[in-house]
N, C-alpha and C. Protein backbone atom coordinates (compact mmCIF):
# COMPACT_ATOMS: atom_id res chain seq x y z
N MET A 1 72.28 110.12 80.70
CA MET A 1 72.96 108.67 80.68
C MET A 1 74.07 108.10 81.12
N HIS A 2 75.00 109.06 80.24
CA HIS A 2 76.39 108.52 80.58
C HIS A 2 76.79 109.20 81.82
N ARG A 3 76.32 110.36 82.53
CA ARG A 3 76.51 110.90 83.93
C ARG A 3 76.27 109.99 84.75
N THR A 4 74.77 108.85 84.41
CA THR A 4 74.08 108.09 85.56
C THR A 4 75.13 107.12 85.57
N LYS A 5 76.05 106.48 84.24
CA LYS A 5 76.77 105.60 84.16
C LYS A 5 77.49 105.39 84.95
N VAL A 6 78.59 106.56 84.97
CA VAL A 6 79.64 107.17 85.66
C VAL A 6 79.33 107.37 87.13
N ARG A 7 78.49 107.70 87.77
CA ARG A 7 77.76 107.72 88.79
C ARG A 7 77.97 106.11 89.68
N VAL A 8 77.01 105.63 88.67
CA VAL A 8 77.22 104.19 89.25
C VAL A 8 78.27 102.93 89.52
N VAL A 9 79.34 103.44 88.59
CA VAL A 9 80.76 102.77 88.95
C VAL A 9 81.10 103.83 89.96
N GLU A 10 81.58 105.26 90.07
CA GLU A 10 82.30 105.89 91.27
C GLU A 10 81.48 105.42 92.38
N GLU A 11 80.38 104.95 91.96
CA GLU A 11 80.16 104.33 93.80
C GLU A 11 80.01 102.98 94.32
N ALA A 12 80.10 102.32 93.06
CA ALA A 12 80.85 100.97 93.05
C ALA A 12 82.08 100.90 93.56
N LEU A 13 83.22 101.64 93.03
CA LEU A 13 83.93 101.83 93.66
C LEU A 13 84.34 102.29 95.12
N ASP A 14 83.44 103.21 95.22
CA ASP A 14 83.64 103.76 96.62
C ASP A 14 83.28 102.71 97.69
N ALA A 15 82.53 101.94 97.48
CA ALA A 15 81.65 101.04 98.21
C ALA A 15 82.71 99.76 98.01
N ASN A 16 83.32 99.20 97.69
CA ASN A 16 84.48 98.42 97.48
C ASN A 16 85.84 99.31 98.04
N ASN A 17 86.16 100.23 98.37
CA ASN A 17 87.28 100.84 99.06
C ASN A 17 87.48 100.99 100.15
N THR A 18 85.85 100.96 100.51
CA THR A 18 85.21 101.16 101.97
C THR A 18 85.58 99.71 102.86
N ILE A 19 85.25 98.99 101.40
CA ILE A 19 85.58 97.40 102.46
C ILE A 19 86.84 96.67 102.17
N ALA A 20 87.56 97.51 101.28
CA ALA A 20 89.17 97.31 100.81
C ALA A 20 90.18 97.85 102.37
N HIS A 21 89.38 99.05 103.06
CA HIS A 21 89.76 99.52 103.85
C HIS A 21 89.65 98.73 105.22
N ALA A 22 88.57 98.17 105.29
CA ALA A 22 88.22 96.99 106.58
C ALA A 22 88.72 95.70 106.27
N ASN A 23 89.24 95.07 104.89
CA ASN A 23 90.06 94.00 104.82
C ASN A 23 91.36 94.50 105.35
N ARG A 24 91.89 95.44 105.21
CA ARG A 24 93.12 95.98 104.97
C ARG A 24 93.44 96.58 106.45
N ALA A 25 92.50 96.45 107.86
CA ALA A 25 92.45 96.46 109.14
C ALA A 25 92.50 95.15 109.80
N ASP A 26 91.70 94.34 109.50
CA ASP A 26 91.99 92.69 109.85
C ASP A 26 93.40 92.14 109.50
N PHE A 27 93.97 92.33 108.14
CA PHE A 27 95.36 91.94 108.08
C PHE A 27 96.50 92.65 108.47
N ASP A 28 96.31 94.45 108.87
CA ASP A 28 97.53 94.53 109.95
C ASP A 28 97.10 94.18 111.03
N ARG A 29 95.76 94.13 111.73
CA ARG A 29 96.03 93.23 113.35
C ARG A 29 96.51 92.08 113.64
N ALA A 30 96.08 91.31 112.29
CA ALA A 30 96.80 90.25 112.17
C ALA A 30 98.31 89.98 112.03
N GLY A 31 98.92 91.06 111.51
CA GLY A 31 100.33 91.28 111.35
C GLY A 31 101.03 90.62 109.79
N VAL A 32 99.55 90.56 108.94
CA VAL A 32 99.84 89.81 107.72
C VAL A 32 100.19 91.24 106.37
N ARG A 33 100.82 90.76 105.60
CA ARG A 33 101.37 91.61 104.89
C ARG A 33 100.47 90.89 103.52
N VAL A 34 100.38 91.93 102.50
CA VAL A 34 99.16 90.95 101.53
C VAL A 34 99.63 91.43 100.17
N VAL A 35 99.50 90.60 98.95
CA VAL A 35 100.16 91.10 97.88
C VAL A 35 99.38 90.84 96.85
N ASN A 36 98.86 91.28 95.62
CA ASN A 36 97.47 91.14 95.07
C ASN A 36 98.26 90.97 93.75
N PHE A 37 98.24 89.33 93.39
CA PHE A 37 99.08 88.96 92.10
C PHE A 37 98.01 88.92 91.03
N MET A 38 98.52 89.81 89.68
CA MET A 38 97.66 89.94 88.91
C MET A 38 98.48 89.63 87.41
N SER A 39 97.72 89.19 86.33
CA SER A 39 97.91 88.95 85.03
C SER A 39 96.72 88.58 84.24
N ALA A 40 96.98 88.79 82.56
CA ALA A 40 96.24 88.03 81.61
C ALA A 40 96.17 86.72 81.80
N PRO A 41 95.44 85.84 81.51
CA PRO A 41 95.35 84.27 81.85
C PRO A 41 96.40 83.62 80.92
N GLY A 42 96.88 82.83 81.58
CA GLY A 42 98.52 82.26 80.91
C GLY A 42 99.63 82.98 81.01
N ALA A 43 99.67 83.76 82.02
CA ALA A 43 101.36 84.62 82.04
C ALA A 43 101.97 84.00 82.55
N GLY A 44 101.44 82.62 83.50
CA GLY A 44 102.07 82.71 84.12
C GLY A 44 102.11 82.55 86.19
N LYS A 45 101.41 83.02 86.49
CA LYS A 45 101.29 83.32 88.09
C LYS A 45 101.27 81.95 88.80
N THR A 46 100.63 81.27 88.95
CA THR A 46 100.59 80.27 89.52
C THR A 46 102.39 79.08 89.17
N ALA A 47 102.49 78.96 88.16
CA ALA A 47 103.96 78.73 87.91
C ALA A 47 105.42 79.52 88.66
N LEU A 48 105.33 80.87 88.42
CA LEU A 48 105.93 81.29 89.45
C LEU A 48 106.11 81.12 90.73
N LEU A 49 104.70 81.23 91.57
CA LEU A 49 104.28 80.53 92.87
C LEU A 49 104.83 79.49 93.01
N GLU A 50 104.68 78.58 92.12
CA GLU A 50 105.17 77.70 92.55
C GLU A 50 106.90 77.58 92.36
N ARG A 51 107.32 78.26 92.04
CA ARG A 51 108.82 78.80 92.47
C ARG A 51 109.19 78.90 93.68
N VAL A 52 108.15 79.46 94.35
CA VAL A 52 108.89 80.58 95.38
C VAL A 52 108.19 79.98 96.54
N VAL A 53 106.94 79.48 96.62
CA VAL A 53 106.42 79.36 98.10
C VAL A 53 106.63 78.12 98.62
N ARG A 54 107.65 77.50 98.34
CA ARG A 54 108.28 76.74 99.29
C ARG A 54 109.64 76.85 99.88
N ASP A 55 110.16 78.16 99.65
CA ASP A 55 111.63 78.77 100.06
C ASP A 55 111.36 80.01 100.11
N LEU A 56 110.57 80.15 101.25
CA LEU A 56 110.53 82.04 101.20
C LEU A 56 111.73 82.44 102.72
N PRO A 57 112.57 82.44 102.56
CA PRO A 57 113.24 81.97 104.20
C PRO A 57 112.57 82.71 105.10
N GLY A 58 112.69 82.56 106.18
CA GLY A 58 111.70 83.52 107.69
C GLY A 58 110.54 84.73 107.61
N VAL A 59 109.58 83.15 106.40
CA VAL A 59 108.52 84.29 105.96
C VAL A 59 107.42 82.80 105.47
N ARG A 60 106.33 83.15 106.46
CA ARG A 60 105.43 81.91 106.22
C ARG A 60 104.24 82.81 105.43
N ILE A 61 104.43 81.91 104.17
CA ILE A 61 103.01 82.72 103.21
C ILE A 61 102.26 81.62 102.70
N GLY A 62 101.19 82.18 102.87
CA GLY A 62 99.56 81.44 102.31
C GLY A 62 99.43 82.44 101.05
N VAL A 63 98.44 81.32 100.48
CA VAL A 63 97.74 81.91 99.11
C VAL A 63 95.99 81.83 99.31
N LEU A 64 95.31 82.80 98.41
CA LEU A 64 93.84 82.78 98.11
C LEU A 64 94.39 82.85 96.79
N GLU A 65 93.63 81.95 96.05
CA GLU A 65 93.53 81.44 94.86
C GLU A 65 92.01 81.97 94.03
N GLY A 66 92.39 82.80 93.64
CA GLY A 66 91.37 83.82 92.62
C GLY A 66 90.54 82.82 91.55
N ASP A 67 89.78 81.99 91.12
CA ASP A 67 89.15 81.89 89.55
C ASP A 67 87.55 81.51 89.78
N VAL A 68 87.30 81.72 88.20
CA VAL A 68 86.09 81.82 87.97
C VAL A 68 85.34 80.19 88.13
N GLN A 69 86.23 79.42 87.63
CA GLN A 69 85.85 77.76 88.03
C GLN A 69 86.74 77.04 88.39
N GLY A 70 86.60 75.81 89.13
CA GLY A 70 87.62 75.00 89.53
C GLY A 70 88.76 75.10 90.26
N SER A 71 89.48 74.27 90.56
CA SER A 71 90.57 74.36 91.98
C SER A 71 91.87 74.02 91.14
N MET A 72 91.86 73.88 89.69
CA MET A 72 93.65 73.14 89.73
C MET A 72 94.66 73.95 90.03
N ASP A 73 94.54 75.35 89.94
CA ASP A 73 95.91 76.30 90.11
C ASP A 73 96.13 75.66 92.00
N SER A 74 95.04 75.97 92.97
CA SER A 74 95.08 75.66 93.95
C SER A 74 95.51 74.46 94.39
N ASP A 75 94.97 73.34 93.36
CA ASP A 75 95.62 72.14 93.82
C ASP A 75 96.93 72.13 93.84
N ARG A 76 97.75 72.69 92.54
CA ARG A 76 99.28 72.82 92.66
C ARG A 76 99.93 73.27 93.78
N LEU A 77 99.29 74.54 94.12
CA LEU A 77 100.03 75.35 95.29
C LEU A 77 99.86 74.46 96.70
N ALA A 78 98.40 73.50 96.65
CA ALA A 78 98.73 72.65 97.68
C ALA A 78 99.30 71.99 98.21
N ALA A 79 99.37 70.99 96.92
CA ALA A 79 100.70 69.89 96.88
C ALA A 79 101.87 70.32 97.10
N LEU A 80 102.77 71.26 97.46
CA LEU A 80 103.62 72.00 98.06
C LEU A 80 103.70 72.44 99.39
N HIS A 81 102.31 71.99 100.09
CA HIS A 81 102.18 71.99 101.46
C HIS A 81 102.02 73.79 101.93
N VAL A 82 101.89 74.26 101.40
CA VAL A 82 101.21 75.87 102.19
C VAL A 82 99.96 76.17 101.99
N PRO A 83 99.57 76.74 102.88
CA PRO A 83 97.74 76.81 103.21
C PRO A 83 97.35 77.78 101.86
N VAL A 84 97.00 76.96 101.35
CA VAL A 84 95.68 77.58 100.02
C VAL A 84 94.29 77.59 100.29
N THR A 85 93.91 78.76 99.83
CA THR A 85 91.99 78.84 99.78
C THR A 85 91.59 79.16 98.82
N GLN A 86 90.76 78.44 98.26
CA GLN A 86 89.94 78.59 97.00
C GLN A 86 88.51 79.74 97.02
N LEU A 87 88.83 80.89 95.92
CA LEU A 87 87.93 81.49 95.82
C LEU A 87 87.29 81.51 95.00
N ASN A 88 85.96 80.96 94.05
CA ASN A 88 85.23 80.90 92.86
C ASN A 88 84.35 81.95 92.84
N THR A 89 84.67 82.36 91.73
CA THR A 89 83.54 84.13 91.79
C THR A 89 82.18 83.71 91.03
N ASP A 90 82.44 81.96 90.57
CA ASP A 90 81.27 81.51 89.38
C ASP A 90 79.88 81.28 90.58
N PRO A 91 79.85 80.73 91.61
CA PRO A 91 78.96 80.59 92.02
C PRO A 91 78.07 81.27 92.72
N SER A 92 78.73 82.35 93.44
CA SER A 92 78.00 83.19 94.53
C SER A 92 78.36 85.01 93.84
N PHE A 93 79.21 85.27 92.85
CA PHE A 93 79.00 86.28 92.74
C PHE A 93 79.13 86.38 91.00
N GLY A 94 78.23 85.41 90.44
CA GLY A 94 77.89 85.87 88.86
C GLY A 94 79.15 85.61 87.89
N GLY A 95 80.38 84.99 88.06
CA GLY A 95 81.46 84.82 87.25
C GLY A 95 82.34 86.05 87.24
N GLU A 96 82.59 86.47 88.12
CA GLU A 96 82.93 87.83 87.60
C GLU A 96 84.66 87.42 87.00
N CYS A 97 85.42 88.66 86.38
CA CYS A 97 86.68 88.13 85.88
C CYS A 97 87.95 89.08 86.89
N HIS A 98 87.31 89.14 88.02
CA HIS A 98 88.34 89.68 88.76
C HIS A 98 87.58 89.51 90.05
N LEU A 99 88.65 89.77 91.32
CA LEU A 99 88.64 89.54 92.74
C LEU A 99 88.14 91.19 93.24
N ASP A 100 87.11 91.17 94.13
CA ASP A 100 87.14 92.44 94.76
C ASP A 100 87.16 92.54 96.02
N ALA A 101 87.22 93.30 97.29
CA ALA A 101 87.44 93.57 98.29
C ALA A 101 86.25 92.90 98.99
N ASN A 102 84.90 92.85 98.66
CA ASN A 102 83.79 92.26 99.11
C ASN A 102 84.27 90.30 99.04
N MET A 103 84.69 90.12 97.96
CA MET A 103 84.85 88.97 97.53
C MET A 103 85.93 88.38 98.22
N VAL A 104 86.72 89.28 98.43
CA VAL A 104 88.06 88.58 99.26
C VAL A 104 87.76 88.47 100.82
N ARG A 105 87.10 89.45 101.72
CA ARG A 105 86.39 89.66 102.71
C ARG A 105 85.37 88.31 103.22
N SER A 106 84.73 87.85 102.07
CA SER A 106 83.94 86.65 102.39
C SER A 106 84.78 85.18 102.15
N ALA A 107 85.90 85.34 102.03
CA ALA A 107 87.05 84.57 102.08
C ALA A 107 87.95 84.50 103.22
N LEU A 108 87.88 85.65 104.17
CA LEU A 108 88.33 85.60 105.24
C LEU A 108 88.39 85.30 106.32
N PRO A 109 87.41 84.14 106.59
CA PRO A 109 86.97 83.07 107.55
C PRO A 109 87.89 81.99 107.51
N GLU A 110 88.09 81.56 105.84
CA GLU A 110 89.06 80.88 105.50
C GLU A 110 90.27 80.87 105.80
N LEU A 111 90.92 82.08 105.97
CA LEU A 111 92.52 82.20 106.05
C LEU A 111 92.69 82.16 106.89
N PRO A 112 94.17 81.58 107.03
CA PRO A 112 94.85 81.25 108.54
C PRO A 112 95.54 82.26 108.62
N LEU A 113 95.29 83.58 109.00
CA LEU A 113 95.88 84.47 109.07
C LEU A 113 97.04 84.50 110.19
N ASP A 114 96.41 84.12 111.35
CA ASP A 114 97.70 83.52 112.66
C ASP A 114 98.59 82.86 112.06
N GLU A 115 98.60 81.94 111.07
CA GLU A 115 99.51 81.06 110.98
C GLU A 115 100.47 81.60 109.34
N ILE A 116 100.00 82.85 109.09
CA ILE A 116 100.88 83.20 107.85
C ILE A 116 101.44 85.08 108.20
N ASP A 117 102.54 84.91 107.61
CA ASP A 117 103.12 86.78 107.50
C ASP A 117 102.66 87.37 106.10
N LEU A 118 102.85 86.54 105.33
CA LEU A 118 102.24 87.34 103.94
C LEU A 118 101.05 86.24 103.12
N LEU A 119 100.36 86.83 102.54
CA LEU A 119 99.20 86.47 101.94
C LEU A 119 99.32 87.15 100.34
N VAL A 120 99.25 85.58 99.64
CA VAL A 120 99.48 86.39 98.16
C VAL A 120 98.22 85.90 97.55
N ILE A 121 97.44 86.61 96.65
CA ILE A 121 96.02 86.88 96.31
C ILE A 121 96.62 86.59 94.99
N GLU A 122 96.23 85.38 94.62
CA GLU A 122 96.39 85.68 92.72
C GLU A 122 95.12 85.34 92.65
N ASN A 123 94.95 86.60 91.95
CA ASN A 123 93.88 87.35 90.86
C ASN A 123 92.87 86.56 89.73
N VAL A 124 92.12 86.68 89.56
CA VAL A 124 91.59 86.05 87.95
C VAL A 124 92.28 86.53 86.99
N GLY A 125 92.81 85.89 85.93
CA GLY A 125 93.21 86.36 85.27
C GLY A 125 92.82 87.22 83.87
N ASN A 126 93.11 88.40 84.02
CA ASN A 126 92.10 89.75 83.41
C ASN A 126 92.97 90.76 83.04
N LEU A 127 93.44 91.36 82.30
CA LEU A 127 94.13 92.75 82.06
C LEU A 127 93.05 94.00 82.21
N VAL A 128 91.87 94.02 83.17
CA VAL A 128 91.55 95.12 82.96
C VAL A 128 90.65 95.05 84.30
N CYS A 129 89.85 94.64 84.66
CA CYS A 129 89.17 94.87 85.81
C CYS A 129 89.94 94.69 86.83
N PRO A 130 91.26 93.50 87.41
CA PRO A 130 91.39 93.04 88.78
C PRO A 130 92.38 94.67 88.80
N ALA A 131 92.65 95.63 88.01
CA ALA A 131 93.49 97.01 88.74
C ALA A 131 92.50 98.19 89.09
N GLU A 132 91.10 97.71 88.74
CA GLU A 132 90.15 99.00 89.65
C GLU A 132 89.93 98.86 90.53
N PHE A 133 90.08 97.06 91.29
CA PHE A 133 89.64 96.92 92.75
C PHE A 133 90.61 96.56 93.33
N ARG A 134 90.58 97.37 94.61
CA ARG A 134 91.77 97.32 95.34
C ARG A 134 90.86 96.33 96.33
N VAL A 135 91.58 95.33 97.31
CA VAL A 135 90.97 94.26 98.23
C VAL A 135 92.01 94.50 99.50
N GLY A 136 92.67 95.33 99.82
CA GLY A 136 93.16 95.59 101.03
C GLY A 136 94.50 95.50 101.16
N GLU A 137 95.10 95.13 100.02
CA GLU A 137 96.16 94.90 99.43
C GLU A 137 97.31 95.69 100.39
N ASP A 138 98.98 95.08 100.26
CA ASP A 138 99.89 96.22 100.69
C ASP A 138 100.56 96.67 99.11
N ALA A 139 100.45 95.85 98.46
CA ALA A 139 101.26 95.85 97.10
C ALA A 139 100.66 95.31 96.01
N ARG A 140 101.01 95.35 94.94
CA ARG A 140 100.81 94.80 93.42
C ARG A 140 101.55 94.11 92.67
N ILE A 141 101.75 93.28 92.30
CA ILE A 141 102.75 92.37 91.57
C ILE A 141 101.74 92.31 89.79
N MET A 142 102.40 92.92 88.88
CA MET A 142 101.86 92.44 87.31
C MET A 142 102.85 91.72 86.96
N VAL A 143 102.48 90.32 86.45
CA VAL A 143 103.17 89.40 85.42
C VAL A 143 102.90 89.59 84.16
N SER A 144 103.61 89.76 83.33
CA SER A 144 103.24 89.99 81.89
C SER A 144 104.54 88.94 81.01
N SER A 145 103.92 88.57 80.36
CA SER A 145 105.14 87.21 79.46
C SER A 145 104.67 87.69 78.28
N ILE A 146 106.13 87.26 77.86
CA ILE A 146 107.04 87.84 76.37
C ILE A 146 106.00 87.54 75.28
N THR A 147 105.36 86.49 75.15
CA THR A 147 104.21 85.82 74.45
C THR A 147 102.96 86.97 74.33
N GLU A 148 102.61 87.79 75.22
CA GLU A 148 101.62 88.74 74.84
C GLU A 148 102.32 89.88 74.22
N GLY A 149 103.36 90.12 73.91
CA GLY A 149 103.34 91.16 72.78
C GLY A 149 103.83 92.49 73.62
N GLU A 150 104.93 93.25 72.94
CA GLU A 150 105.50 94.40 73.44
C GLU A 150 104.26 95.62 73.54
N GLU A 151 103.32 95.31 72.94
CA GLU A 151 102.39 96.63 73.00
C GLU A 151 101.77 96.57 74.51
N LYS A 152 101.50 95.53 75.01
CA LYS A 152 100.70 95.27 76.14
C LYS A 152 100.27 96.62 77.24
N PRO A 153 101.73 96.99 77.45
CA PRO A 153 101.46 98.62 78.26
C PRO A 153 101.02 99.64 77.75
N LEU A 154 100.57 99.93 76.68
CA LEU A 154 100.13 100.96 75.94
C LEU A 154 98.50 100.28 75.84
N LYS A 155 98.04 98.99 75.44
CA LYS A 155 97.02 98.75 75.33
C LYS A 155 95.96 98.61 76.57
N TYR A 156 96.71 98.24 77.78
CA TYR A 156 95.95 97.95 79.00
C TYR A 156 97.37 98.93 79.88
N PRO A 157 96.71 100.14 79.87
CA PRO A 157 97.89 100.61 80.69
C PRO A 157 97.33 101.32 82.55
N LEU A 158 95.96 101.19 82.97
CA LEU A 158 95.90 100.98 84.22
C LEU A 158 96.22 99.86 84.59
N MET A 159 96.59 98.67 84.14
CA MET A 159 96.98 97.62 84.75
C MET A 159 98.56 97.78 84.91
N PHE A 160 98.99 98.21 84.33
CA PHE A 160 100.60 98.40 84.49
C PHE A 160 101.04 99.42 85.65
N ARG A 161 100.09 100.69 85.30
CA ARG A 161 100.29 102.03 86.21
C ARG A 161 99.64 101.39 87.80
N ALA A 162 99.00 100.37 87.84
CA ALA A 162 98.31 100.31 89.17
C ALA A 162 99.24 98.91 90.12
N CYS A 163 100.57 98.89 89.55
CA CYS A 163 101.40 97.87 90.22
C CYS A 163 102.56 98.66 90.78
N GLU A 164 103.58 97.75 91.68
CA GLU A 164 104.63 98.09 92.14
C GLU A 164 106.02 97.32 92.02
N LEU A 165 105.49 96.20 90.90
CA LEU A 165 106.50 95.67 90.59
C LEU A 165 106.00 94.74 89.21
N VAL A 166 106.74 94.61 88.22
CA VAL A 166 106.45 93.88 86.77
C VAL A 166 107.31 92.74 86.38
N LEU A 167 106.69 91.71 87.00
CA LEU A 167 107.52 90.20 86.66
C LEU A 167 107.45 90.00 84.88
N ILE A 168 108.59 90.13 84.08
CA ILE A 168 108.78 89.84 82.76
C ILE A 168 108.79 88.34 82.00
N ASN A 169 107.60 87.48 82.65
CA ASN A 169 107.86 86.25 82.39
C ASN A 169 108.09 85.22 80.87
N LYS A 170 108.76 84.71 81.16
CA LYS A 170 109.27 83.67 79.87
C LYS A 170 110.05 84.20 79.29
N VAL A 171 111.13 84.47 79.64
CA VAL A 171 112.64 85.35 78.74
C VAL A 171 113.00 84.13 78.66
N ASP A 172 113.16 82.84 78.74
CA ASP A 172 113.64 81.90 78.40
C ASP A 172 113.15 81.31 76.66
N LEU A 173 112.39 82.20 76.40
CA LEU A 173 111.47 82.11 74.61
C LEU A 173 111.61 83.12 73.83
N LEU A 174 112.67 84.12 74.73
CA LEU A 174 113.72 85.28 73.74
C LEU A 174 113.98 84.74 72.72
N PRO A 175 114.79 83.85 72.40
CA PRO A 175 115.56 83.54 71.58
C PRO A 175 114.76 82.68 69.87
N HIS A 176 113.39 82.46 70.42
CA HIS A 176 112.51 82.05 69.65
C HIS A 176 111.11 82.96 69.14
N LEU A 177 110.98 83.88 69.86
CA LEU A 177 109.80 84.60 69.26
C LEU A 177 110.69 86.01 68.75
N ASP A 178 109.46 86.70 67.96
CA ASP A 178 109.87 87.79 67.27
C ASP A 178 109.11 89.02 68.42
N PHE A 179 110.02 89.11 69.65
CA PHE A 179 109.73 89.97 70.46
C PHE A 179 110.73 90.82 70.88
N ASP A 180 110.28 92.09 70.90
CA ASP A 180 111.36 93.18 71.27
C ASP A 180 111.63 93.86 72.80
N LEU A 181 111.73 93.37 73.44
CA LEU A 181 112.70 93.75 75.11
C LEU A 181 112.87 95.11 75.29
N ASP A 182 113.77 95.74 74.13
CA ASP A 182 113.78 97.08 74.33
C ASP A 182 112.11 97.77 74.45
N LYS A 183 111.95 97.38 73.54
CA LYS A 183 110.74 98.12 72.90
C LYS A 183 109.43 97.76 74.08
N PHE A 184 108.95 96.46 74.46
CA PHE A 184 108.65 96.69 75.75
C PHE A 184 108.70 97.46 76.96
N LEU A 185 110.04 97.50 77.25
CA LEU A 185 110.74 98.24 78.65
C LEU A 185 110.14 99.87 78.12
N TYR A 186 110.59 100.35 76.62
CA TYR A 186 109.81 101.64 76.70
C TYR A 186 108.63 101.95 76.81
N ASN A 187 107.89 100.93 76.04
CA ASN A 187 106.56 100.78 76.41
C ASN A 187 106.21 101.32 77.97
N LEU A 188 106.81 100.16 78.80
CA LEU A 188 106.48 100.37 80.06
C LEU A 188 106.62 101.26 80.80
N ASP A 189 107.86 102.26 80.41
CA ASP A 189 108.22 103.30 81.32
C ASP A 189 107.67 104.22 80.55
N SER A 190 106.89 104.71 79.30
CA SER A 190 106.13 105.53 79.11
C SER A 190 104.48 105.38 79.62
N VAL A 191 104.21 104.55 80.37
CA VAL A 191 102.55 104.35 81.07
C VAL A 191 103.12 104.58 82.78
N HIS A 192 104.34 104.26 83.00
CA HIS A 192 104.73 103.92 84.62
C HIS A 192 106.28 104.27 84.46
N PRO A 193 106.80 105.06 84.47
CA PRO A 193 108.15 105.46 84.54
C PRO A 193 108.62 105.11 85.80
N GLY A 194 109.88 104.58 85.42
CA GLY A 194 110.92 103.71 86.57
C GLY A 194 110.19 102.70 87.56
N VAL A 195 108.84 101.78 87.48
CA VAL A 195 108.31 100.93 88.16
C VAL A 195 109.51 99.91 88.00
N GLU A 196 109.17 99.40 89.05
CA GLU A 196 110.66 98.10 89.36
C GLU A 196 109.86 96.75 88.93
N ARG A 197 111.11 96.47 87.83
CA ARG A 197 110.87 95.11 86.80
C ARG A 197 111.76 94.48 86.91
N ILE A 198 111.73 92.86 86.89
CA ILE A 198 112.14 91.73 86.98
C ILE A 198 111.61 91.01 86.04
N LEU A 199 113.22 90.72 85.19
CA LEU A 199 113.04 89.15 84.25
C LEU A 199 113.22 88.04 84.63
N VAL A 200 112.00 87.09 84.26
CA VAL A 200 111.98 86.14 84.97
C VAL A 200 111.47 84.78 84.00
N SER A 201 111.99 83.86 84.68
CA SER A 201 111.65 82.64 83.60
C SER A 201 111.18 81.37 84.63
N ALA A 202 109.57 81.04 84.58
CA ALA A 202 109.37 80.09 85.73
C ALA A 202 110.24 78.51 85.31
N LYS A 203 110.27 78.44 83.80
CA LYS A 203 111.02 77.24 83.57
C LYS A 203 112.23 77.24 83.92
N THR A 204 113.27 78.29 83.80
CA THR A 204 114.69 77.93 84.23
C THR A 204 115.16 78.07 85.54
N GLY A 205 113.91 79.61 85.73
CA GLY A 205 114.76 79.75 87.59
C GLY A 205 115.46 80.78 87.19
N GLU A 206 115.34 81.86 85.84
CA GLU A 206 115.75 82.85 85.87
C GLU A 206 115.38 84.18 86.60
N GLY A 207 116.25 84.77 87.27
CA GLY A 207 115.01 85.90 88.31
C GLY A 207 114.71 85.64 89.64
N ILE A 208 114.43 84.43 89.31
CA ILE A 208 113.35 83.74 91.14
C ILE A 208 113.77 83.90 92.19
N ASP A 209 115.60 84.28 92.09
CA ASP A 209 115.84 84.70 93.49
C ASP A 209 115.82 86.04 93.73
N GLU A 210 115.95 86.51 92.61
CA GLU A 210 115.52 88.09 92.78
C GLU A 210 114.37 88.50 93.80
N TRP A 211 112.88 87.60 92.74
CA TRP A 211 111.54 88.33 92.97
C TRP A 211 111.27 87.74 94.62
N ARG A 212 112.03 85.94 94.52
CA ARG A 212 112.04 85.66 95.89
C ARG A 212 112.54 86.82 97.27
N GLY A 213 113.19 87.12 97.08
CA GLY A 213 113.89 88.17 97.86
C GLY A 213 113.11 89.61 97.86
N TRP A 214 112.54 89.67 97.18
CA TRP A 214 111.45 91.14 96.95
C TRP A 214 110.32 90.61 97.67
N LEU A 215 109.51 89.04 97.76
CA LEU A 215 108.39 88.84 98.63
C LEU A 215 109.23 88.98 99.72
N ALA A 216 110.43 88.20 100.35
CA ALA A 216 110.77 87.84 101.43
C ALA A 216 110.33 89.01 102.57
N ARG A 217 111.29 90.41 101.44
CA ARG A 217 111.26 91.84 102.19
C ARG A 217 109.95 92.24 102.55
N MET A 218 108.73 92.00 101.61
CA MET A 218 107.42 92.50 101.74
C MET A 218 106.82 91.72 102.75
N GLY A 219 106.90 90.52 102.88
CA GLY A 219 106.63 89.64 103.83
C GLY A 219 107.11 89.73 105.65
N ALA A 220 108.25 90.28 105.33
CA ALA A 220 108.89 90.84 107.01
C ALA A 220 108.40 92.02 107.50
N VAL A 221 107.51 91.33 108.34
CA VAL A 221 106.37 92.65 108.89
C VAL A 221 107.20 93.53 110.37
N PRO A 222 107.73 94.67 109.91
CA PRO A 222 108.68 95.49 110.96
C PRO A 222 108.44 95.44 112.70
N SER A 223 108.95 95.10 112.92
CA SER A 223 108.31 95.11 115.07
C SER A 223 107.74 96.03 115.22
N GLY A 224 106.77 95.89 115.74
CA GLY A 224 105.70 96.45 115.99
C GLY A 224 104.92 97.34 115.23
N ALA A 225 104.80 96.08 114.07
CA ALA A 225 103.23 96.51 113.47
C ALA A 225 101.97 95.94 113.46
N GLY A 226 101.22 96.13 113.62
CA GLY A 226 99.85 95.88 114.34
C GLY A 226 98.73 96.60 113.92
N ALA A 227 97.40 96.60 114.97
CA ALA A 227 96.76 97.22 114.34
C ALA A 227 96.85 98.49 113.82
N GLY A 228 96.54 98.82 112.64
CA GLY A 228 96.70 100.49 112.03
C GLY A 228 97.89 100.68 111.65
N ALA A 229 98.99 99.46 111.36
CA ALA A 229 100.00 99.60 110.69
C ALA A 229 99.88 100.03 109.24
N GLU A 230 100.59 101.32 108.60
CA GLU A 230 100.84 101.65 107.24
C GLU A 230 102.01 101.23 106.79
N ALA A 231 102.49 100.24 106.77
CA ALA A 231 104.08 99.57 106.29
C ALA A 231 104.15 99.80 104.55
N ARG A 232 104.82 99.69 103.93
CA ARG A 232 104.44 99.48 102.55
C ARG A 232 106.19 99.21 102.15
N VAL A 233 106.09 98.63 101.22
CA VAL A 233 107.78 98.31 100.26
C VAL A 233 107.41 99.40 99.25
């Protein structure tokens, strides 16, 4: 029985990866770079996006907003006059706690790919499932709030291993919390040695310029990139 369950999971992931490659080919043809933006609920993904989507020099940015229900986050971002597409998992996908490649593919007709350089996919808040499902992205960003505790990299290692950048958010609260930043960084390096990390605060703006620069480099599609391009950061 255990082997049967493992086989079913492997087949599901294989099917997902096939669709993710198809998504990636479509993004490449359009010359769009893609970031998968992941975190636990309440870590501050949307607040961090609000800080950068209006001011990314030389890069046209769009957002695909993933939620189980509602459009509160996408409404906040749309108010900043950037293209935002809502993708809810509840009506058609059974209320899944993550976005997979097929869900993203279902939203492709609604995405203005010809009008953007960089697509940020704000994934459903969850520290487990989003890390398991590629969606056709170029890179993954993980947001970890200091309010979550120092042990999170040890408890959810796959999420932290799966990303190219970790944003450590809400650092403005460090004087007010019993949080050991050095211990968190030690735990982070124990599961993903040397992964790039930036200390940020959506409230005060600390680290936002550095993160904005990272995104701007991500969205700067190299000359000649098109169908089949395999550029990475």
